[in-house]
Amino acid sequence: MHTVSRSAPHEHAEPAPSDVVPIVLSINGMRHALLVEPWTSLLDLLRERSKG
């Protein structure tokens, strides 16, 4: 039996380049090119982007 230990996604300080996926969103007519972690939900992404 193998036990795999993984940290929760929110514990990652900075994702490694291989841990991100390039996406392009069109929001209110503006294009946004982003690099996001595969486990990021759209809601979380929009919430984080609205803070800054």
N, C-alpha and C. Protein backbone atom coordinates (compact mmCIF):
# COMPACT_ATOMS: atom_id res chain seq x y z
N MET A 1 0.84 -1.17 0.00
CA MET A 1 0.00 0.00 0.00
C MET A 1 0.89 1.24 0.00
N HIS A 2 0.60 2.17 -0.91
CA HIS A 2 1.39 3.39 -1.03
C HIS A 2 0.62 4.56 -0.44
N THR A 3 1.31 5.38 0.30
CA THR A 3 0.71 6.58 0.85
C THR A 3 1.35 7.78 0.16
N VAL A 4 0.51 8.63 -0.41
CA VAL A 4 0.99 9.82 -1.09
C VAL A 4 0.65 11.02 -0.23
N SER A 5 1.66 11.81 0.08
CA SER A 5 1.45 13.00 0.88
C SER A 5 1.47 14.21 -0.05
N ARG A 6 0.40 14.96 -0.03
CA ARG A 6 0.30 16.16 -0.86
C ARG A 6 -0.13 17.33 0.00
N SER A 7 0.41 18.49 -0.30
CA SER A 7 -0.04 19.68 0.41
C SER A 7 -1.26 20.24 -0.30
N ALA A 8 -2.07 20.94 0.45
CA ALA A 8 -3.28 21.54 -0.12
C ALA A 8 -2.89 22.63 -1.11
N PRO A 9 -3.69 22.84 -2.18
CA PRO A 9 -3.35 23.85 -3.19
C PRO A 9 -3.13 25.25 -2.63
N HIS A 10 -3.89 25.64 -1.60
CA HIS A 10 -3.74 26.99 -1.07
C HIS A 10 -2.45 27.18 -0.29
N GLU A 11 -1.72 26.09 -0.04
CA GLU A 11 -0.46 26.20 0.68
C GLU A 11 0.71 26.51 -0.24
N HIS A 12 0.52 26.51 -1.54
CA HIS A 12 1.60 26.81 -2.48
C HIS A 12 1.89 28.31 -2.44
N ALA A 13 3.13 28.66 -2.15
CA ALA A 13 3.49 30.07 -2.12
C ALA A 13 3.59 30.64 -3.53
N GLU A 14 4.32 29.98 -4.39
CA GLU A 14 4.50 30.43 -5.77
C GLU A 14 4.55 29.18 -6.65
N PRO A 15 3.67 29.07 -7.62
CA PRO A 15 3.66 27.85 -8.44
C PRO A 15 4.89 27.76 -9.33
N ALA A 16 5.37 26.56 -9.53
CA ALA A 16 6.47 26.33 -10.46
C ALA A 16 5.93 26.55 -11.87
N PRO A 17 6.78 26.96 -12.81
CA PRO A 17 6.30 27.21 -14.17
C PRO A 17 5.55 26.03 -14.78
N SER A 18 5.92 24.81 -14.42
CA SER A 18 5.23 23.64 -14.97
C SER A 18 3.88 23.40 -14.30
N ASP A 19 3.60 24.13 -13.23
CA ASP A 19 2.34 23.96 -12.49
C ASP A 19 1.27 24.95 -12.92
N VAL A 20 1.52 25.72 -13.98
CA VAL A 20 0.54 26.71 -14.41
C VAL A 20 0.07 26.43 -15.83
N VAL A 21 -1.13 26.92 -16.13
CA VAL A 21 -1.73 26.73 -17.44
C VAL A 21 -2.04 28.12 -18.01
N PRO A 22 -1.63 28.40 -19.25
CA PRO A 22 -1.96 29.70 -19.83
C PRO A 22 -3.41 29.72 -20.30
N ILE A 23 -4.13 30.78 -19.94
CA ILE A 23 -5.51 30.96 -20.41
C ILE A 23 -5.70 32.41 -20.84
N VAL A 24 -6.69 32.65 -21.66
CA VAL A 24 -7.06 34.00 -22.06
C VAL A 24 -8.55 34.16 -21.79
N LEU A 25 -8.89 35.17 -21.01
CA LEU A 25 -10.29 35.47 -20.70
C LEU A 25 -10.67 36.78 -21.37
N SER A 26 -11.88 36.86 -21.83
CA SER A 26 -12.42 38.11 -22.35
C SER A 26 -13.47 38.57 -21.36
N ILE A 27 -13.18 39.69 -20.68
CA ILE A 27 -14.07 40.21 -19.64
C ILE A 27 -14.43 41.65 -20.01
N ASN A 28 -15.70 41.89 -20.22
CA ASN A 28 -16.19 43.23 -20.60
C ASN A 28 -15.43 43.77 -21.81
N GLY A 29 -15.16 42.90 -22.77
CA GLY A 29 -14.50 43.32 -24.00
C GLY A 29 -12.99 43.44 -23.91
N MET A 30 -12.41 43.19 -22.76
CA MET A 30 -10.96 43.27 -22.59
C MET A 30 -10.39 41.87 -22.46
N ARG A 31 -9.30 41.60 -23.18
CA ARG A 31 -8.64 40.29 -23.12
C ARG A 31 -7.62 40.29 -21.99
N HIS A 32 -7.61 39.21 -21.22
CA HIS A 32 -6.68 39.05 -20.11
C HIS A 32 -5.96 37.72 -20.28
N ALA A 33 -4.65 37.78 -20.56
CA ALA A 33 -3.83 36.57 -20.65
C ALA A 33 -3.29 36.28 -19.25
N LEU A 34 -3.55 35.09 -18.75
CA LEU A 34 -3.19 34.73 -17.39
C LEU A 34 -2.50 33.38 -17.35
N LEU A 35 -1.72 33.17 -16.30
CA LEU A 35 -1.16 31.86 -15.98
C LEU A 35 -1.78 31.44 -14.66
N VAL A 36 -2.49 30.33 -14.65
CA VAL A 36 -3.19 29.89 -13.44
C VAL A 36 -2.84 28.44 -13.12
N GLU A 37 -2.97 28.11 -11.85
CA GLU A 37 -2.78 26.73 -11.42
C GLU A 37 -3.98 25.92 -11.88
N PRO A 38 -3.78 24.67 -12.30
CA PRO A 38 -4.89 23.86 -12.81
C PRO A 38 -6.04 23.67 -11.83
N TRP A 39 -5.79 23.76 -10.56
CA TRP A 39 -6.83 23.53 -9.56
C TRP A 39 -7.61 24.81 -9.22
N THR A 40 -7.28 25.94 -9.85
CA THR A 40 -7.95 27.20 -9.57
C THR A 40 -9.32 27.24 -10.23
N SER A 41 -10.34 27.54 -9.44
CA SER A 41 -11.68 27.67 -10.02
C SER A 41 -11.83 29.06 -10.62
N LEU A 42 -12.77 29.22 -11.53
CA LEU A 42 -13.01 30.52 -12.13
C LEU A 42 -13.42 31.53 -11.07
N LEU A 43 -14.23 31.12 -10.13
CA LEU A 43 -14.65 32.02 -9.05
C LEU A 43 -13.45 32.51 -8.25
N ASP A 44 -12.55 31.60 -7.87
CA ASP A 44 -11.36 31.99 -7.12
C ASP A 44 -10.48 32.93 -7.95
N LEU A 45 -10.32 32.64 -9.23
CA LEU A 45 -9.50 33.47 -10.09
C LEU A 45 -10.07 34.89 -10.17
N LEU A 46 -11.36 35.01 -10.41
CA LEU A 46 -11.97 36.33 -10.50
C LEU A 46 -11.92 37.07 -9.17
N ARG A 47 -12.10 36.36 -8.09
CA ARG A 47 -12.05 36.97 -6.76
C ARG A 47 -10.65 37.51 -6.48
N GLU A 48 -9.61 36.74 -6.79
CA GLU A 48 -8.23 37.17 -6.56
C GLU A 48 -7.87 38.36 -7.45
N ARG A 49 -8.30 38.34 -8.71
CA ARG A 49 -7.99 39.42 -9.65
C ARG A 49 -8.68 40.72 -9.24
N SER A 50 -9.84 40.63 -8.61
CA SER A 50 -10.57 41.84 -8.24
C SER A 50 -9.95 42.53 -7.03
N LYS A 51 -9.11 41.83 -6.28
CA LYS A 51 -8.46 42.43 -5.10
C LYS A 51 -7.37 43.41 -5.50
N GLY A 52 -6.70 43.15 -6.61
CA GLY A 52 -5.53 43.93 -6.95
C GLY A 52 -5.78 44.83 -8.05
